[in-house]
Structures are given as C-alpha cells and as structure tokens.
Amino acid sequence: MSAPDGSGDVDALKAEIDATRQQLSRTVDELSNRLDVPARTRERVARTKDTAVETYRESPPAVIGAGVALVGLVVGFIVLRRRRANARRKR
C-alpha cells in the first residue's frame, strides 16, 4: 500500500513512465531498423554470400555446373539478341 504522504503512488507512476519509455525506445529502434534499407540490403547480401559459400563447400561440382549453365544461358541470350538485331537490319 502507499505511504500516507502519497510517495508510493508517485514511485509507481515513475516506474510506469520508465517502463513506457523503454517500450517506446524499443519500438523506435525496431522501426528504424526496418526502415534502414541500405543496412537491410547489406545484411541480405551477406546472407546470400554465406549461403553460396556454404553450398559450394558442400557440393563444389554442383555449384560449378550451375555457374557454367548460367554463363551459357547469358551468352546464348546475347547471341540470340545480336542475331535478331542483325536480321532486322538486313530487311
């Protein structure tokens, strides 16, 4: 129960204000982190890199094969676009 001078109520109110401030601070920090797009992008890049490195360590031939296939697709796409562009110019 509170003291006759009302100090218990004041102490309880101060404790509640402190708890509310801490909660508000956590909320603001969380919102700041969510809105910090460059930092989130860096985190995503780092996770992707770690995943790629881990995958390579587990199965190097599969990763190398996928890389070669990707390069082949890109080169094929470039060659196809150039052929189409040359065919249009000849018309």
C-alpha atoms as a PDB file:
ATOM      1  CA  MET A   1       0.000   0.000   0.000  1.00  0.00           C
ATOM      2  CA  SER A   2       1.161   3.593  -0.451  1.00  0.00           C
ATOM      3  CA  ALA A   3       2.641   5.729   2.271  1.00  0.00           C
ATOM      4  CA  PRO A   4       0.438   8.382   3.942  1.00  0.00           C
ATOM      5  CA  ASP A   5       2.312  11.116   2.091  1.00  0.00           C
ATOM      6  CA  GLY A   6       1.402   9.561  -1.315  1.00  0.00           C
ATOM      7  CA  SER A   7       5.006   8.722  -2.233  1.00  0.00           C
ATOM      8  CA  GLY A   8       4.041   5.140  -3.178  1.00  0.00           C
ATOM      9  CA  ASP A   9       1.741   6.425  -5.883  1.00  0.00           C
ATOM     10  CA  VAL A  10       4.466   8.718  -7.187  1.00  0.00           C
ATOM     11  CA  ASP A  11       7.001   5.889  -7.227  1.00  0.00           C
ATOM     12  CA  ALA A  12       4.562   3.600  -9.055  1.00  0.00           C
ATOM     13  CA  LEU A  13       3.836   6.328 -11.579  1.00  0.00           C
ATOM     14  CA  LYS A  14       7.559   6.937 -12.153  1.00  0.00           C
ATOM     15  CA  ALA A  15       8.115   3.188 -12.652  1.00  0.00           C
ATOM     16  CA  GLU A  16       5.259   3.054 -15.153  1.00  0.00           C
ATOM     17  CA  ILE A  17       6.653   6.058 -17.032  1.00  0.00           C
ATOM     18  CA  ASP A  18      10.106   4.423 -17.149  1.00  0.00           C
ATOM     19  CA  ALA A  19       8.623   1.162 -18.453  1.00  0.00           C
ATOM     20  CA  THR A  20       6.670   3.054 -21.124  1.00  0.00           C
ATOM     21  CA  ARG A  21       9.806   4.941 -22.182  1.00  0.00           C
ATOM     22  CA  GLN A  22      11.748   1.694 -22.520  1.00  0.00           C
ATOM     23  CA  GLN A  23       8.992   0.120 -24.582  1.00  0.00           C
ATOM     24  CA  LEU A  24       8.793   3.206 -26.792  1.00  0.00           C
ATOM     25  CA  SER A  25      12.557   3.166 -27.231  1.00  0.00           C
ATOM     26  CA  ARG A  26      12.470  -0.488 -28.341  1.00  0.00           C
ATOM     27  CA  THR A  27       9.649   0.287 -30.772  1.00  0.00           C
ATOM     28  CA  VAL A  28      11.514   3.235 -32.279  1.00  0.00           C
ATOM     29  CA  ASP A  29      14.682   1.141 -32.619  1.00  0.00           C
ATOM     30  CA  GLU A  30      12.761  -1.634 -34.357  1.00  0.00           C
ATOM     31  CA  LEU A  31      11.106   0.804 -36.752  1.00  0.00           C
ATOM     32  CA  SER A  32      14.456   2.423 -37.501  1.00  0.00           C
ATOM     33  CA  ASN A  33      15.940  -0.967 -38.334  1.00  0.00           C
ATOM     34  CA  ARG A  34      13.038  -1.835 -40.607  1.00  0.00           C
ATOM     35  CA  LEU A  35      13.301   1.466 -42.449  1.00  0.00           C
ATOM     36  CA  ASP A  36      17.094   1.310 -42.890  1.00  0.00           C
ATOM     37  CA  VAL A  37      17.039  -0.135 -46.403  1.00  0.00           C
ATOM     38  CA  PRO A  38      20.815   0.062 -47.062  1.00  0.00           C
ATOM     39  CA  ALA A  39      21.583  -1.860 -43.868  1.00  0.00           C
ATOM     40  CA  ARG A  40      18.949  -4.477 -44.670  1.00  0.00           C
ATOM     41  CA  THR A  41      20.368  -4.798 -48.179  1.00  0.00           C
ATOM     42  CA  ARG A  42      23.870  -5.329 -46.803  1.00  0.00           C
ATOM     43  CA  GLU A  43      22.531  -7.989 -44.443  1.00  0.00           C
ATOM     44  CA  ARG A  44      20.735  -9.747 -47.298  1.00  0.00           C
ATOM     45  CA  VAL A  45      23.854  -9.683 -49.478  1.00  0.00           C
ATOM     46  CA  ALA A  46      25.956 -11.076 -46.643  1.00  0.00           C
ATOM     47  CA  ARG A  47      23.442 -13.885 -46.008  1.00  0.00           C
ATOM     48  CA  THR A  48      23.278 -14.721 -49.709  1.00  0.00           C
ATOM     49  CA  LYS A  49      27.062 -14.800 -49.925  1.00  0.00           C
ATOM     50  CA  ASP A  50      27.270 -17.040 -46.858  1.00  0.00           C
ATOM     51  CA  THR A  51      24.663 -19.364 -48.353  1.00  0.00           C
ATOM     52  CA  ALA A  52      26.564 -19.540 -51.650  1.00  0.00           C
ATOM     53  CA  VAL A  53      29.845 -20.261 -49.891  1.00  0.00           C
ATOM     54  CA  GLU A  54      28.221 -22.937 -47.724  1.00  0.00           C
ATOM     55  CA  THR A  55      26.593 -24.534 -50.760  1.00  0.00           C
ATOM     56  CA  TYR A  56      29.924 -24.533 -52.598  1.00  0.00           C
ATOM     57  CA  ARG A  57      31.661 -26.171 -49.635  1.00  0.00           C
ATOM     58  CA  GLU A  58      29.011 -28.891 -49.509  1.00  0.00           C
ATOM     59  CA  SER A  59      28.959 -29.647 -53.248  1.00  0.00           C
ATOM     60  CA  PRO A  60      31.533 -27.835 -55.427  1.00  0.00           C
ATOM     61  CA  PRO A  61      30.720 -29.689 -58.683  1.00  0.00           C
ATOM     62  CA  ALA A  62      27.025 -28.762 -58.472  1.00  0.00           C
ATOM     63  CA  VAL A  63      27.826 -25.098 -57.905  1.00  0.00           C
ATOM     64  CA  ILE A  64      30.370 -25.045 -60.717  1.00  0.00           C
ATOM     65  CA  GLY A  65      27.868 -26.762 -63.017  1.00  0.00           C
ATOM     66  CA  ALA A  66      25.165 -24.261 -62.150  1.00  0.00           C
ATOM     67  CA  GLY A  67      27.595 -21.400 -62.764  1.00  0.00           C
ATOM     68  CA  VAL A  68      28.602 -22.782 -66.154  1.00  0.00           C
ATOM     69  CA  ALA A  69      24.949 -23.261 -67.075  1.00  0.00           C
ATOM     70  CA  LEU A  70      24.147 -19.695 -66.064  1.00  0.00           C
ATOM     71  CA  VAL A  71      27.041 -18.318 -68.112  1.00  0.00           C
ATOM     72  CA  GLY A  72      25.863 -20.439 -71.061  1.00  0.00           C
ATOM     73  CA  LEU A  73      22.348 -19.019 -70.785  1.00  0.00           C
ATOM     74  CA  VAL A  74      23.630 -15.444 -70.675  1.00  0.00           C
ATOM     75  CA  VAL A  75      25.934 -15.987 -73.662  1.00  0.00           C
ATOM     76  CA  GLY A  76      23.114 -17.707 -75.571  1.00  0.00           C
ATOM     77  CA  PHE A  77      20.768 -14.829 -74.837  1.00  0.00           C
ATOM     78  CA  ILE A  78      23.328 -12.277 -76.049  1.00  0.00           C
ATOM     79  CA  VAL A  79      23.994 -14.246 -79.246  1.00  0.00           C
ATOM     80  CA  LEU A  80      20.261 -14.584 -79.918  1.00  0.00           C
ATOM     81  CA  ARG A  81      19.675 -10.851 -79.470  1.00  0.00           C
ATOM     82  CA  ARG A  82      22.556  -9.987 -81.809  1.00  0.00           C
ATOM     83  CA  ARG A  83      21.254 -12.364 -84.480  1.00  0.00           C
ATOM     84  CA  ARG A  84      17.795 -10.868 -84.254  1.00  0.00           C
ATOM     85  CA  ALA A  85      19.214  -7.337 -84.400  1.00  0.00           C
ATOM     86  CA  ASN A  86      21.315  -8.226 -87.471  1.00  0.00           C
ATOM     87  CA  ALA A  87      18.314  -9.856 -89.154  1.00  0.00           C
ATOM     88  CA  ARG A  88      16.265  -6.683 -88.634  1.00  0.00           C
ATOM     89  CA  ARG A  89      18.996  -4.509 -90.118  1.00  0.00           C
ATOM     90  CA  LYS A  90      19.188  -6.660 -93.256  1.00  0.00           C
ATOM     91  CA  ARG A  91      15.474  -6.179 -94.030  1.00  0.00           C
END
